[in-house]
Amino acid sequence: MHLELPEKRYYSIGELAKAFDVNASLIRFWDKEFDVLKPKKNAKGNRMFTPDDVKNLQLIYHLVKERGFTLEGAKTHLKEGQKKTLDKFEIIRKLEAIKTNLINIKNEL
């Protein structure tokens, strides 16, 4: 999954929900369920996610939505082999970006 997000220090829950094409309530739920997500809260109490949180959300989305892990399975997977999982996920993300670029080049021919 490739996200179209501008480079920012913080992202609102609405921006992320739109980028991931999910409800804000799902991101709120994942925030409560997964310890790796640590969004800051502003004076109003709104969650503000950092780029690191966005990477973790991408990983959670990949495990739960794309690979079909249960929440408990995803939590276990993240705790046991987080470094290995992150490396694999980064490789997958880069390959997907390359694939998208190649398809765009092919369509321009």
C-alpha atoms as a PDB file:
ATOM      1  CA  MET A   1       0.000   0.000   0.000  1.00  0.00           C
ATOM      2  CA  HIS A   2       1.398   3.349  -1.043  1.00  0.00           C
ATOM      3  CA  LEU A   3       0.164   6.373   0.884  1.00  0.00           C
ATOM      4  CA  GLU A   4      -0.151   9.831  -0.617  1.00  0.00           C
ATOM      5  CA  LEU A   5       0.680  11.976   2.407  1.00  0.00           C
ATOM      6  CA  PRO A   6       2.559  15.278   2.437  1.00  0.00           C
ATOM      7  CA  GLU A   7       5.754  15.544   4.481  1.00  0.00           C
ATOM      8  CA  LYS A   8       4.627  16.840   7.877  1.00  0.00           C
ATOM      9  CA  ARG A   9       5.583  16.520  11.522  1.00  0.00           C
ATOM     10  CA  TYR A  10       2.081  15.508  12.588  1.00  0.00           C
ATOM     11  CA  TYR A  11      -0.975  14.031  10.875  1.00  0.00           C
ATOM     12  CA  SER A  12      -4.544  14.174  12.113  1.00  0.00           C
ATOM     13  CA  ILE A  13      -6.609  11.032  12.468  1.00  0.00           C
ATOM     14  CA  GLY A  14      -8.853  12.251   9.625  1.00  0.00           C
ATOM     15  CA  GLU A  15      -5.915  12.596   7.222  1.00  0.00           C
ATOM     16  CA  LEU A  16      -4.756   9.083   8.044  1.00  0.00           C
ATOM     17  CA  ALA A  17      -8.232   7.598   7.796  1.00  0.00           C
ATOM     18  CA  LYS A  18      -8.591   9.094   4.319  1.00  0.00           C
ATOM     19  CA  ALA A  19      -5.097   7.951   3.256  1.00  0.00           C
ATOM     20  CA  PHE A  20      -5.706   4.374   4.467  1.00  0.00           C
ATOM     21  CA  ASP A  21      -9.318   4.412   3.221  1.00  0.00           C
ATOM     22  CA  VAL A  22     -10.648   3.287   6.607  1.00  0.00           C
ATOM     23  CA  ASN A  23     -12.848   4.849   9.279  1.00  0.00           C
ATOM     24  CA  ALA A  24     -11.231   7.070  11.911  1.00  0.00           C
ATOM     25  CA  SER A  25     -12.749   4.756  14.520  1.00  0.00           C
ATOM     26  CA  LEU A  26     -10.575   1.890  13.242  1.00  0.00           C
ATOM     27  CA  ILE A  27      -7.421   3.952  13.677  1.00  0.00           C
ATOM     28  CA  ARG A  28      -8.610   4.966  17.165  1.00  0.00           C
ATOM     29  CA  PHE A  29      -9.202   1.280  17.955  1.00  0.00           C
ATOM     30  CA  TRP A  30      -5.749   0.283  16.682  1.00  0.00           C
ATOM     31  CA  ASP A  31      -4.256   3.103  18.757  1.00  0.00           C
ATOM     32  CA  LYS A  32      -5.783   1.535  21.892  1.00  0.00           C
ATOM     33  CA  GLU A  33      -4.866  -2.031  20.917  1.00  0.00           C
ATOM     34  CA  PHE A  34      -1.260  -1.637  19.707  1.00  0.00           C
ATOM     35  CA  ASP A  35       1.442  -0.334  22.046  1.00  0.00           C
ATOM     36  CA  VAL A  36       3.698   0.719  19.151  1.00  0.00           C
ATOM     37  CA  LEU A  37       1.341   3.600  18.325  1.00  0.00           C
ATOM     38  CA  LYS A  38       2.011   6.615  20.499  1.00  0.00           C
ATOM     39  CA  PRO A  39       0.239   9.638  19.030  1.00  0.00           C
ATOM     40  CA  LYS A  40       0.514  12.965  20.801  1.00  0.00           C
ATOM     41  CA  LYS A  41      -2.647  14.731  21.870  1.00  0.00           C
ATOM     42  CA  ASN A  42      -3.133  18.441  21.346  1.00  0.00           C
ATOM     43  CA  ALA A  43      -4.930  20.828  23.739  1.00  0.00           C
ATOM     44  CA  LYS A  44      -8.312  19.699  22.385  1.00  0.00           C
ATOM     45  CA  GLY A  45      -7.417  16.052  22.935  1.00  0.00           C
ATOM     46  CA  ASN A  46      -7.130  15.231  19.223  1.00  0.00           C
ATOM     47  CA  ARG A  47      -4.609  12.558  18.295  1.00  0.00           C
ATOM     48  CA  MET A  48      -1.672  13.804  16.243  1.00  0.00           C
ATOM     49  CA  PHE A  49       0.366  11.022  14.624  1.00  0.00           C
ATOM     50  CA  THR A  50       4.082  11.329  13.823  1.00  0.00           C
ATOM     51  CA  PRO A  51       5.698   9.866  10.686  1.00  0.00           C
ATOM     52  CA  ASP A  52       6.902   6.950  12.852  1.00  0.00           C
ATOM     53  CA  ASP A  53       3.316   6.307  13.907  1.00  0.00           C
ATOM     54  CA  VAL A  54       2.315   6.360  10.235  1.00  0.00           C
ATOM     55  CA  LYS A  55       4.947   3.693   9.451  1.00  0.00           C
ATOM     56  CA  ASN A  56       3.641   1.563  12.315  1.00  0.00           C
ATOM     57  CA  LEU A  57       0.067   2.055  11.095  1.00  0.00           C
ATOM     58  CA  GLN A  58       1.142   0.929   7.626  1.00  0.00           C
ATOM     59  CA  LEU A  59       2.674  -2.180   9.142  1.00  0.00           C
ATOM     60  CA  ILE A  60      -0.452  -2.908  11.205  1.00  0.00           C
ATOM     61  CA  TYR A  61      -2.646  -2.336   8.141  1.00  0.00           C
ATOM     62  CA  HIS A  62      -0.435  -4.693   6.117  1.00  0.00           C
ATOM     63  CA  LEU A  63      -0.583  -7.439   8.739  1.00  0.00           C
ATOM     64  CA  VAL A  64      -4.294  -7.165   9.558  1.00  0.00           C
ATOM     65  CA  LYS A  65      -5.926  -6.100   6.302  1.00  0.00           C
ATOM     66  CA  GLU A  66      -3.599  -7.451   3.611  1.00  0.00           C
ATOM     67  CA  ARG A  67      -2.190 -10.595   5.222  1.00  0.00           C
ATOM     68  CA  GLY A  68      -5.252 -11.483   7.306  1.00  0.00           C
ATOM     69  CA  PHE A  69      -3.654 -11.610  10.761  1.00  0.00           C
ATOM     70  CA  THR A  70      -5.916 -11.472  13.790  1.00  0.00           C
ATOM     71  CA  LEU A  71      -5.250  -8.573  16.151  1.00  0.00           C
ATOM     72  CA  GLU A  72      -3.621 -10.909  18.657  1.00  0.00           C
ATOM     73  CA  GLY A  73      -1.545 -12.479  15.894  1.00  0.00           C
ATOM     74  CA  ALA A  74      -0.422  -9.069  14.668  1.00  0.00           C
ATOM     75  CA  LYS A  75       0.499  -7.999  18.222  1.00  0.00           C
ATOM     76  CA  THR A  76       2.528 -11.163  18.724  1.00  0.00           C
ATOM     77  CA  HIS A  77       4.183 -10.801  15.331  1.00  0.00           C
ATOM     78  CA  LEU A  78       5.157  -7.207  16.108  1.00  0.00           C
ATOM     79  CA  LYS A  79       6.552  -8.032  19.546  1.00  0.00           C
ATOM     80  CA  GLU A  80       8.536 -11.124  18.523  1.00  0.00           C
ATOM     81  CA  GLY A  81      10.212  -9.960  15.369  1.00  0.00           C
ATOM     82  CA  GLN A  82       9.653  -6.253  15.020  1.00  0.00           C
ATOM     83  CA  LYS A  83      12.997  -5.488  13.359  1.00  0.00           C
ATOM     84  CA  LYS A  84      12.672  -8.353  10.888  1.00  0.00           C
ATOM     85  CA  THR A  85       9.038  -7.480  10.171  1.00  0.00           C
ATOM     86  CA  LEU A  86       9.884  -3.825   9.599  1.00  0.00           C
ATOM     87  CA  ASP A  87      12.711  -4.751   7.207  1.00  0.00           C
ATOM     88  CA  LYS A  88      10.438  -7.043   5.188  1.00  0.00           C
ATOM     89  CA  PHE A  89       7.692  -4.431   5.161  1.00  0.00           C
ATOM     90  CA  GLU A  90      10.103  -1.750   3.909  1.00  0.00           C
ATOM     91  CA  ILE A  91      11.206  -4.069   1.090  1.00  0.00           C
ATOM     92  CA  ILE A  92       7.584  -4.750   0.137  1.00  0.00           C
ATOM     93  CA  ARG A  93       6.780  -1.024   0.189  1.00  0.00           C
ATOM     94  CA  LYS A  94       9.751  -0.190  -2.040  1.00  0.00           C
ATOM     95  CA  LEU A  95       8.876  -2.972  -4.477  1.00  0.00           C
ATOM     96  CA  GLU A  96       5.280  -1.738  -4.679  1.00  0.00           C
ATOM     97  CA  ALA A  97       6.532   1.789  -5.439  1.00  0.00           C
ATOM     98  CA  ILE A  98       8.816   0.422  -8.174  1.00  0.00           C
ATOM     99  CA  LYS A  99       5.924  -1.580  -9.619  1.00  0.00           C
ATOM    100  CA  THR A 100       3.731   1.530  -9.695  1.00  0.00           C
ATOM    101  CA  ASN A 101       6.483   3.497 -11.449  1.00  0.00           C
ATOM    102  CA  LEU A 102       6.991   0.733 -14.023  1.00  0.00           C
ATOM    103  CA  ILE A 103       3.260   0.553 -14.742  1.00  0.00           C
ATOM    104  CA  ASN A 104       3.186   4.328 -15.213  1.00  0.00           C
ATOM    105  CA  ILE A 105       6.134   4.135 -17.633  1.00  0.00           C
ATOM    106  CA  LYS A 106       4.459   1.288 -19.531  1.00  0.00           C
ATOM    107  CA  ASN A 107       1.218   3.282 -19.846  1.00  0.00           C
ATOM    108  CA  GLU A 108       3.133   6.264 -21.242  1.00  0.00           C
ATOM    109  CA  LEU A 109       4.654   4.176 -24.046  1.00  0.00           C
END
